[in-house]
Amino acid sequence: MNATQQFAGRTAVVTGAARGMGAALARKYAENGADVVLLDLNGDGVAATAAEIATLGVKTFPIAVNIADYAAAEAAMKKVDAECGAVHFLANCAGISTAGKIIDVAEKDWDRVLDVNLKAAWTMSKLVAHNMIAHKVEKGKIVSISSQASKIGEDGNGVYSVSKAGMNMLTQVLGLELAPHGISVTAVCPGYVRTDMVVQVFKERGPLMGMTPEAYEKTLTDSVPMGRMATPEEIADLMIFLSSDAASYITGVTITSAGGKTLI
């Protein structure tokens, strides 16, 4: 998708913006003319992403914050409201995983993954929706990163799968509830995407499956009909489309981009 200035004069809030798909999407918003608020627990990483995309001539607002902490997220959004006013786009990109059979996962790991992947998405959606409504934003967009694992459970990745299945239902309910306000809510379910997190998954889950990380990566990639992983930019392009006016009549749904993996 060619970058335009279609989002000029608008503001996007992107969580998980320090790296991976969040950083790629923040860059795409900026390429399309939007000012960008970047949220991430990794302060150095989010500052670096902000500095990079500021060279595109847009305003950037990096904020180091743990959005799994409701009070911290609320305080961050108060800063955003004071500094930027209306928010036009929210992209829930923050996410983590933990390797392990679901019957063996520790309670603290269950809580940590659900807090970051699901609770934080609810928190940010709630806070930004109230901002959009208060500022009478027309055609507000909430887009989130779910996963193919929300639709086909993954061995050794159960907690992540459960959290992303919750994301799908959160998207559906928010879509219903926010439609009267002109806010559309969608999510993308990527397959395997070449990010730092996925590389870490290979390292952690490979031995769990009795394989080296390299063999596990090959096994997963070979199971994709298109025979490769996606790039973060490919997923970001789809989320930019869902953020655009061209997708204004789409809400409450998840769209899979997994190279055909969920078909077999």
Protein backbone atom coordinates (compact mmCIF):
# COMPACT_ATOMS: atom_id res chain seq x y z
CA MET A 1 0.00 0.00 0.00
CA ASN A 2 1.45 3.36 -0.99
CA ALA A 3 1.71 5.92 1.77
CA THR A 4 -0.42 9.05 1.43
CA GLN A 5 -1.39 11.96 3.64
CA GLN A 6 -4.83 10.47 4.24
CA PHE A 7 -4.46 10.77 8.04
CA ALA A 8 -3.08 14.31 8.15
CA GLY A 9 -4.46 16.29 11.09
CA ARG A 10 -5.35 13.13 13.00
CA THR A 11 -3.74 11.41 15.98
CA ALA A 12 -3.00 7.71 16.43
CA VAL A 13 -2.24 5.96 19.73
CA VAL A 14 -0.17 2.80 19.30
CA THR A 15 0.62 0.40 22.15
CA GLY A 16 3.57 -1.97 22.01
CA ALA A 17 5.26 0.62 19.78
CA ALA A 18 8.86 -0.08 20.76
CA ARG A 19 9.37 -2.92 18.32
CA GLY A 20 7.80 -5.47 16.01
CA MET A 21 4.35 -4.92 14.56
CA GLY A 22 3.64 -1.98 16.87
CA ALA A 23 6.69 -0.08 15.64
CA ALA A 24 5.89 -0.95 12.02
CA LEU A 25 2.32 0.31 12.41
CA ALA A 26 3.40 3.52 14.15
CA ARG A 27 5.67 4.18 11.19
CA LYS A 28 2.82 3.52 8.71
CA TYR A 29 0.52 5.95 10.52
CA ALA A 30 3.24 8.59 10.34
CA GLU A 31 3.86 7.88 6.64
CA ASN A 32 0.16 8.55 6.12
CA GLY A 33 0.38 11.91 7.89
CA ALA A 34 -0.88 11.12 11.39
CA ASP A 35 0.72 12.38 14.58
CA VAL A 36 1.57 9.38 16.72
CA VAL A 37 1.45 8.66 20.46
CA LEU A 38 3.69 5.67 21.18
CA LEU A 39 3.14 3.66 24.36
CA ASP A 40 5.40 0.88 25.61
CA LEU A 41 6.95 -0.42 28.80
CA ASN A 42 10.33 -0.24 27.02
CA GLY A 43 11.13 3.45 27.39
CA ASP A 44 14.36 3.40 25.37
CA GLY A 45 12.75 1.41 22.57
CA VAL A 46 9.67 3.60 22.29
CA ALA A 47 11.83 6.75 22.31
CA ALA A 48 13.94 5.34 19.49
CA THR A 49 10.87 4.50 17.40
CA ALA A 50 9.45 7.96 18.02
CA ALA A 51 12.71 9.65 17.01
CA GLU A 52 12.85 7.63 13.81
CA ILE A 53 9.33 8.42 12.65
CA ALA A 54 9.58 12.09 13.70
CA THR A 55 11.88 12.48 10.69
CA LEU A 56 8.75 12.02 8.55
CA GLY A 57 7.57 15.44 9.66
CA VAL A 58 4.84 14.43 12.11
CA LYS A 59 4.56 15.01 15.84
CA THR A 60 5.46 12.07 18.07
CA PHE A 61 4.72 11.54 21.75
CA PRO A 62 6.63 8.59 23.28
CA ILE A 63 5.37 7.51 26.69
CA ALA A 64 6.98 4.76 28.78
CA VAL A 65 4.08 3.11 30.62
CA ASN A 66 2.83 -0.26 31.78
CA ILE A 67 -0.64 -0.30 30.23
CA ALA A 68 -1.45 -3.51 32.11
CA ASP A 69 -1.65 -1.22 35.17
CA TYR A 70 -5.02 0.51 34.84
CA ALA A 71 -4.06 3.56 36.89
CA ALA A 72 -0.85 4.05 34.88
CA ALA A 73 -2.71 3.72 31.59
CA GLU A 74 -5.35 6.18 32.76
CA ALA A 75 -2.68 8.71 33.76
CA ALA A 76 -0.99 8.31 30.38
CA MET A 77 -4.25 8.95 28.54
CA LYS A 78 -4.87 12.09 30.60
CA LYS A 79 -1.51 13.36 29.32
CA VAL A 80 -2.50 12.44 25.78
CA ASP A 81 -5.83 14.25 26.09
CA ALA A 82 -4.13 17.37 27.46
CA GLU A 83 -1.38 17.35 24.82
CA CYS A 84 -3.19 16.10 21.73
CA GLY A 85 -6.91 16.45 22.35
CA ALA A 86 -8.91 14.09 20.13
CA VAL A 87 -7.59 10.62 19.35
CA HIS A 88 -8.73 9.26 15.99
CA PHE A 89 -7.05 5.84 15.98
CA LEU A 90 -6.13 3.32 18.66
CA ALA A 91 -3.94 0.36 17.76
CA ASN A 92 -3.67 -2.32 20.45
CA CYS A 93 -0.37 -3.96 19.52
CA ALA A 94 1.15 -4.79 22.92
CA GLY A 95 1.48 -8.51 23.45
CA ILE A 96 3.55 -11.20 25.15
CA SER A 97 3.57 -14.99 25.29
CA THR A 98 4.80 -17.71 27.59
CA ALA A 99 5.87 -21.20 26.57
CA GLY A 100 4.42 -24.18 28.37
CA LYS A 101 1.66 -26.76 28.44
CA ILE A 102 -1.45 -25.03 29.72
CA ILE A 103 -1.81 -27.47 32.64
CA ASP A 104 1.74 -26.66 33.73
CA VAL A 105 1.73 -22.87 33.38
CA ALA A 106 2.28 -20.98 36.64
CA GLU A 107 -0.47 -18.70 37.87
CA LYS A 108 1.81 -15.66 37.65
CA ASP A 109 2.48 -16.36 33.97
CA TRP A 110 -1.22 -16.85 33.25
CA ASP A 111 -1.98 -13.51 34.93
CA ARG A 112 0.88 -11.70 33.19
CA VAL A 113 -0.15 -12.80 29.67
CA LEU A 114 -3.86 -12.12 30.23
CA ASP A 115 -3.08 -8.72 31.77
CA VAL A 116 -0.92 -7.55 28.86
CA ASN A 117 -2.78 -9.17 25.98
CA LEU A 118 -6.41 -8.77 27.03
CA LYS A 119 -6.89 -6.54 30.06
CA ALA A 120 -4.63 -3.82 28.63
CA ALA A 121 -6.51 -3.91 25.31
CA TRP A 122 -9.81 -3.47 27.20
CA THR A 123 -8.29 -0.67 29.29
CA MET A 124 -6.95 1.26 26.33
CA SER A 125 -10.10 0.70 24.25
CA LYS A 126 -12.24 1.99 27.11
CA LEU A 127 -10.09 5.07 27.71
CA VAL A 128 -9.69 5.97 24.05
CA ALA A 129 -13.37 5.35 23.26
CA HIS A 130 -14.31 7.85 25.95
CA ASN A 131 -11.84 10.32 24.43
CA MET A 132 -13.36 9.83 20.95
CA ILE A 133 -16.89 10.26 22.24
CA ALA A 134 -16.03 13.35 24.30
CA HIS A 135 -14.29 14.99 21.33
CA LYS A 136 -17.06 13.94 18.90
CA VAL A 137 -14.56 12.16 16.65
CA GLU A 138 -16.11 11.09 13.36
CA LYS A 139 -15.16 7.63 12.09
CA GLY A 140 -12.93 6.73 15.03
CA LYS A 141 -11.06 3.45 14.62
CA ILE A 142 -9.87 0.86 17.13
CA VAL A 143 -7.70 -1.85 15.58
CA SER A 144 -6.02 -4.64 17.51
CA ILE A 145 -3.56 -7.44 16.93
CA SER A 146 -5.09 -10.80 17.74
CA SER A 147 -3.58 -14.02 16.35
CA GLN A 148 -4.22 -17.14 14.32
CA ALA A 149 -3.76 -18.83 17.71
CA SER A 150 -7.15 -17.40 18.68
CA LYS A 151 -8.75 -19.61 16.03
CA ILE A 152 -6.57 -22.72 16.07
CA GLY A 153 -5.19 -23.56 19.51
CA GLU A 154 -1.42 -24.02 19.60
CA ASP A 155 0.33 -26.73 21.58
CA GLY A 156 2.60 -25.16 24.18
CA ASN A 157 1.04 -21.74 23.62
CA GLY A 158 -2.25 -22.13 25.42
CA VAL A 159 -2.34 -19.00 27.56
CA TYR A 160 -1.56 -16.81 24.55
CA SER A 161 -4.26 -18.60 22.54
CA VAL A 162 -6.84 -18.00 25.27
CA SER A 163 -5.90 -14.32 25.59
CA LYS A 164 -6.27 -13.76 21.86
CA ALA A 165 -9.59 -15.59 21.72
CA GLY A 166 -10.70 -13.09 24.36
CA MET A 167 -9.43 -10.29 22.10
CA ASN A 168 -11.72 -11.53 19.34
CA MET A 169 -14.78 -11.36 21.57
CA LEU A 170 -13.72 -7.98 22.97
CA THR A 171 -13.58 -6.75 19.37
CA GLN A 172 -17.06 -8.07 18.64
CA VAL A 173 -18.66 -6.55 21.76
CA LEU A 174 -16.89 -3.21 21.35
CA GLY A 175 -17.98 -3.16 17.73
CA LEU A 176 -21.61 -3.53 18.81
CA GLU A 177 -21.44 -1.02 21.64
CA LEU A 178 -19.46 1.69 19.84
CA ALA A 179 -21.25 1.54 16.48
CA PRO A 180 -23.82 4.18 17.57
CA HIS A 181 -20.88 6.55 18.13
CA GLY A 182 -19.48 5.96 14.64
CA ILE A 183 -16.45 4.10 16.02
CA SER A 184 -15.44 0.94 14.20
CA VAL A 185 -13.56 -1.83 15.99
CA THR A 186 -11.61 -4.56 14.21
CA ALA A 187 -8.75 -6.96 14.84
CA VAL A 188 -6.18 -8.71 12.68
CA CYS A 189 -5.21 -12.32 13.33
CA PRO A 190 -1.66 -12.69 11.99
CA GLY A 191 0.05 -15.99 11.50
CA TYR A 192 3.78 -16.31 12.04
CA VAL A 193 5.39 -12.89 11.73
CA ARG A 194 9.15 -12.37 11.81
CA THR A 195 9.50 -10.31 14.99
CA ASP A 196 11.77 -10.47 18.04
CA MET A 197 8.93 -12.07 19.99
CA VAL A 198 8.50 -14.88 17.47
CA VAL A 199 12.25 -15.55 17.44
CA GLN A 200 12.03 -15.88 21.22
CA VAL A 201 9.09 -18.26 20.78
CA PHE A 202 11.26 -20.52 18.63
CA LYS A 203 13.91 -20.55 21.36
CA GLU A 204 11.44 -21.34 24.16
CA ARG A 205 8.95 -23.67 22.49
CA GLY A 206 11.39 -25.56 20.26
CA PRO A 207 12.92 -27.52 23.17
CA LEU A 208 9.42 -28.01 24.62
CA MET A 209 8.55 -29.82 21.37
CA GLY A 210 11.81 -31.77 21.35
CA MET A 211 13.39 -29.66 18.59
CA THR A 212 16.10 -27.10 18.16
CA PRO A 213 14.82 -23.55 17.63
CA GLU A 214 15.91 -23.79 13.98
CA ALA A 215 14.06 -27.07 13.40
CA TYR A 216 10.97 -25.74 15.14
CA GLU A 217 10.97 -22.62 12.96
CA LYS A 218 11.22 -24.79 9.84
CA THR A 219 8.39 -27.05 11.04
CA LEU A 220 6.09 -24.09 11.62
CA THR A 221 7.03 -22.33 8.39
CA ASP A 222 6.57 -25.53 6.37
CA SER A 223 3.03 -25.81 7.75
CA VAL A 224 2.06 -22.49 6.11
CA PRO A 225 0.61 -23.00 2.60
CA MET A 226 2.42 -19.89 1.36
CA GLY A 227 5.64 -21.32 2.80
CA ARG A 228 6.90 -18.27 4.68
CA MET A 229 6.36 -15.95 7.59
CA ALA A 230 4.86 -12.49 7.20
CA THR A 231 6.76 -9.26 7.71
CA PRO A 232 5.57 -6.76 10.32
CA GLU A 233 4.95 -4.30 7.49
CA GLU A 234 2.47 -6.65 5.80
CA ILE A 235 0.36 -6.80 8.96
CA ALA A 236 0.70 -3.04 9.44
CA ASP A 237 -0.56 -2.41 5.90
CA LEU A 238 -3.74 -4.36 6.65
CA MET A 239 -4.25 -2.41 9.87
CA ILE A 240 -3.79 0.86 7.98
CA PHE A 241 -6.53 -0.23 5.58
CA LEU A 242 -8.82 -1.01 8.53
CA SER A 243 -8.02 2.45 9.92
CA SER A 244 -8.89 4.16 6.65
CA ASP A 245 -12.18 5.59 5.42
CA ALA A 246 -12.29 2.74 2.89
CA ALA A 247 -13.08 0.38 5.79
CA SER A 248 -15.70 2.57 7.46
CA TYR A 249 -18.48 -0.03 7.16
CA ILE A 250 -16.44 -2.84 8.72
CA THR A 251 -16.78 -3.40 12.47
CA GLY A 252 -16.79 -6.10 15.11
CA VAL A 253 -14.81 -8.59 13.03
CA THR A 254 -11.39 -10.21 12.97
CA ILE A 255 -9.49 -10.66 9.72
CA THR A 256 -6.93 -13.43 9.40
CA SER A 257 -3.60 -12.82 7.62
CA ALA A 258 -1.77 -16.10 8.03
CA GLY A 259 -0.67 -17.28 4.60
CA GLY A 260 -3.43 -19.88 4.57
CA LYS A 261 -2.36 -21.53 7.84
CA THR A 262 -5.87 -21.57 9.34
CA LEU A 263 -7.31 -23.32 6.26
CA ILE A 264 -5.67 -26.69 6.94
